[in-house]
Structures are given as C-alpha cells and as structure tokens.
N, C-alpha and C. Protein backbone atom coordinates (compact mmCIF):
# COMPACT_ATOMS: atom_id res chain seq x y z
N MET A 1 136.92 75.27 147.70
CA MET A 1 137.41 74.98 146.36
C MET A 1 138.87 74.54 146.50
N ALA A 2 139.22 73.48 145.83
CA ALA A 2 140.60 73.00 145.88
C ALA A 2 141.09 72.79 144.45
N ASN A 3 142.38 72.55 144.32
CA ASN A 3 142.95 72.28 143.01
C ASN A 3 142.74 73.42 142.02
N ILE A 4 143.14 74.61 142.39
CA ILE A 4 143.09 75.73 141.46
C ILE A 4 144.41 75.72 140.70
N LEU A 5 144.32 75.74 139.37
CA LEU A 5 145.48 75.64 138.51
C LEU A 5 145.66 76.90 137.69
N GLY A 6 146.91 77.16 137.28
CA GLY A 6 147.21 78.26 136.37
C GLY A 6 147.58 77.70 135.01
N GLN A 7 146.95 78.18 133.95
CA GLN A 7 147.25 77.79 132.57
C GLN A 7 148.12 78.88 131.97
N LEU A 8 149.39 78.57 131.68
CA LEU A 8 150.33 79.55 131.18
C LEU A 8 150.31 79.62 129.66
N SER A 9 150.36 80.85 129.13
CA SER A 9 150.45 81.00 127.67
C SER A 9 151.56 82.00 127.34
N GLY A 10 152.27 81.71 126.26
CA GLY A 10 153.39 82.54 125.85
C GLY A 10 154.64 82.25 126.65
N GLY A 11 155.74 82.78 126.19
CA GLY A 11 157.01 82.62 126.90
C GLY A 11 157.51 81.18 126.91
N PRO A 12 158.54 80.92 127.69
CA PRO A 12 159.17 79.60 127.71
C PRO A 12 158.28 78.49 128.26
N LEU A 13 157.28 78.84 129.06
CA LEU A 13 156.43 77.81 129.67
C LEU A 13 155.06 77.72 129.01
N ASP A 14 154.97 78.14 127.76
CA ASP A 14 153.70 78.13 127.02
C ASP A 14 153.04 76.76 127.08
N GLY A 15 151.77 76.75 127.46
CA GLY A 15 151.02 75.50 127.52
C GLY A 15 151.11 74.74 128.82
N GLN A 16 151.98 75.16 129.72
CA GLN A 16 152.15 74.47 131.00
C GLN A 16 150.98 74.78 131.93
N ILE A 17 150.68 73.83 132.79
CA ILE A 17 149.68 74.01 133.84
C ILE A 17 150.40 73.84 135.16
N VAL A 18 150.23 74.84 136.05
CA VAL A 18 150.91 74.81 137.34
C VAL A 18 149.88 74.95 138.46
N PRO A 19 150.11 74.27 139.58
CA PRO A 19 149.21 74.43 140.73
C PRO A 19 149.42 75.81 141.35
N LEU A 20 148.33 76.44 141.76
CA LEU A 20 148.42 77.74 142.41
C LEU A 20 148.28 77.57 143.92
N ASP A 21 148.95 78.43 144.65
CA ASP A 21 148.90 78.40 146.10
C ASP A 21 147.74 79.29 146.56
N ALA A 22 146.51 78.81 146.30
CA ALA A 22 145.31 79.56 146.63
C ALA A 22 144.19 78.59 146.99
N GLU A 23 143.44 78.93 148.00
CA GLU A 23 142.32 78.10 148.41
C GLU A 23 141.01 78.52 147.74
N THR A 24 140.92 79.80 147.37
CA THR A 24 139.71 80.32 146.73
C THR A 24 140.11 81.23 145.56
N LEU A 25 139.17 81.53 144.69
CA LEU A 25 139.46 82.43 143.57
C LEU A 25 139.82 83.82 144.05
N GLU A 26 139.29 84.23 145.19
CA GLU A 26 139.60 85.55 145.74
C GLU A 26 141.06 85.67 146.17
N THR A 27 141.71 84.56 146.46
CA THR A 27 143.11 84.59 146.90
C THR A 27 144.11 84.26 145.80
N VAL A 28 143.64 84.12 144.57
CA VAL A 28 144.53 83.86 143.43
C VAL A 28 145.30 85.14 143.11
N ASP A 29 146.61 85.02 142.98
CA ASP A 29 147.46 86.17 142.68
C ASP A 29 147.26 86.66 141.24
N ASP A 30 147.40 87.97 141.04
CA ASP A 30 147.33 88.56 139.70
C ASP A 30 148.61 88.33 138.91
N GLU A 31 149.69 87.98 139.62
CA GLU A 31 151.01 87.83 139.00
C GLU A 31 151.67 86.57 139.55
N LEU A 32 152.28 85.79 138.67
CA LEU A 32 153.08 84.64 139.07
C LEU A 32 154.54 84.92 138.75
N VAL A 33 155.41 84.72 139.71
CA VAL A 33 156.86 84.84 139.49
C VAL A 33 157.41 83.43 139.65
N LEU A 34 157.92 82.88 138.55
CA LEU A 34 158.38 81.50 138.53
C LEU A 34 159.89 81.45 138.29
N GLN A 35 160.56 80.57 139.01
CA GLN A 35 162.00 80.38 138.81
C GLN A 35 162.25 79.75 137.45
N TRP A 36 163.29 80.20 136.80
CA TRP A 36 163.67 79.68 135.49
C TRP A 36 165.17 79.55 135.48
N GLU A 37 165.72 78.76 134.60
CA GLU A 37 167.15 78.46 134.61
C GLU A 37 168.05 79.70 134.60
N GLN A 38 167.61 80.78 133.99
CA GLN A 38 168.46 81.98 133.91
C GLN A 38 167.87 83.15 134.68
N GLY A 39 166.98 82.90 135.60
CA GLY A 39 166.38 83.97 136.38
C GLY A 39 164.95 83.66 136.75
N GLN A 40 164.06 84.62 136.48
CA GLN A 40 162.66 84.45 136.82
C GLN A 40 161.77 84.84 135.64
N LEU A 41 160.61 84.19 135.57
CA LEU A 41 159.62 84.51 134.56
C LEU A 41 158.41 85.11 135.25
N ILE A 42 157.83 86.13 134.64
CA ILE A 42 156.65 86.76 135.22
C ILE A 42 155.47 86.55 134.27
N TYR A 43 154.41 85.98 134.82
CA TYR A 43 153.15 85.77 134.11
C TYR A 43 152.08 86.57 134.84
N ARG A 44 151.17 87.20 134.10
CA ARG A 44 150.09 87.99 134.68
C ARG A 44 148.74 87.38 134.32
N LYS A 45 147.82 87.46 135.26
CA LYS A 45 146.47 86.92 135.04
C LYS A 45 145.86 87.57 133.81
N ALA A 46 145.24 86.74 132.96
CA ALA A 46 144.77 87.22 131.66
C ALA A 46 143.34 86.80 131.36
N GLY A 47 142.48 86.84 132.35
CA GLY A 47 141.09 86.49 132.10
C GLY A 47 140.44 85.84 133.29
N ALA A 48 139.22 85.44 133.08
CA ALA A 48 138.42 84.82 134.14
C ALA A 48 138.70 83.33 134.25
N ALA A 49 138.50 82.81 135.44
CA ALA A 49 138.67 81.38 135.69
C ALA A 49 137.61 80.58 134.94
N VAL A 50 137.99 79.37 134.56
CA VAL A 50 137.06 78.43 133.92
C VAL A 50 136.92 77.20 134.80
N ASN A 51 135.90 76.40 134.53
CA ASN A 51 135.61 75.20 135.33
C ASN A 51 135.41 75.54 136.80
N THR A 52 134.53 76.48 137.05
CA THR A 52 134.30 76.92 138.44
C THR A 52 133.14 76.18 139.11
N GLY A 53 132.50 75.27 138.39
CA GLY A 53 131.40 74.50 138.97
C GLY A 53 131.89 73.34 139.81
N GLU A 54 130.95 72.70 140.47
CA GLU A 54 131.28 71.59 141.38
C GLU A 54 131.80 70.35 140.65
N ASN A 55 131.28 70.08 139.45
CA ASN A 55 131.58 68.81 138.78
C ASN A 55 132.18 68.97 137.39
N ASP A 56 132.90 70.06 137.14
CA ASP A 56 133.44 70.25 135.79
C ASP A 56 134.97 70.27 135.75
N GLY A 57 135.59 69.62 136.70
CA GLY A 57 137.05 69.53 136.71
C GLY A 57 137.70 70.64 137.52
N PRO A 58 139.03 70.63 137.58
CA PRO A 58 139.74 71.63 138.38
C PRO A 58 139.57 73.04 137.80
N THR A 59 139.43 74.00 138.69
CA THR A 59 139.33 75.39 138.28
C THR A 59 140.66 75.83 137.70
N THR A 60 140.63 76.50 136.55
CA THR A 60 141.84 76.92 135.87
C THR A 60 141.78 78.42 135.59
N VAL A 61 142.87 79.11 135.93
CA VAL A 61 142.99 80.55 135.74
C VAL A 61 144.03 80.81 134.64
N PRO A 62 143.71 81.58 133.61
CA PRO A 62 144.67 81.84 132.53
C PRO A 62 145.69 82.91 132.93
N TYR A 63 146.94 82.67 132.58
CA TYR A 63 148.05 83.63 132.78
C TYR A 63 148.80 83.80 131.47
N ARG A 64 149.23 85.03 131.17
CA ARG A 64 149.97 85.32 129.96
C ARG A 64 151.38 85.80 130.33
N PHE A 65 152.37 85.35 129.56
CA PHE A 65 153.76 85.73 129.79
C PHE A 65 153.92 87.24 129.68
N ASP A 66 154.65 87.82 130.63
CA ASP A 66 154.91 89.26 130.62
C ASP A 66 156.39 89.56 130.33
N THR A 67 157.27 89.00 131.16
CA THR A 67 158.69 89.30 130.99
C THR A 67 159.56 88.28 131.71
N ALA A 68 160.84 88.30 131.40
CA ALA A 68 161.84 87.50 132.12
C ALA A 68 162.82 88.47 132.77
N VAL A 69 163.20 88.18 134.00
CA VAL A 69 164.16 89.02 134.72
C VAL A 69 165.30 88.20 135.27
C-alpha cells in the first residue's frame, strides 16, 4: 500500500491533507507532531482509515487536533 494520507481536522491545519511516513496501515502513527510557526501542533488518530481498497483512491487516516506546544 502506498500513498497513505492524514486528513487533519480542527486546530490551525483544519482540512489539510498531509502525507504520512508509513508503508502500511499497521505502521501509521497514532499521533502526529507537526512543526508550526510558534512551536508544534499535535494531532491524534481519530478513527478508521478510508479508501483502503485497491481502486478507490489513496488511503486516508483521520486525525483530530489535540494541542499546541
């Protein structure tokens, strides 16, 4: 499986889609720490992946904003 994406909701990056550094769903992180202009943003996995079939587009994992540090 290639092209696993994270769909961000809430916080400053609401609606953004980011590529994940994972080759399979089993290696997808439960937490994303992203650099932001004033520090870091933390997003946590918030549900099951969608588009996991062979011909339905890139697999997308939902993440919800948790905090900024």
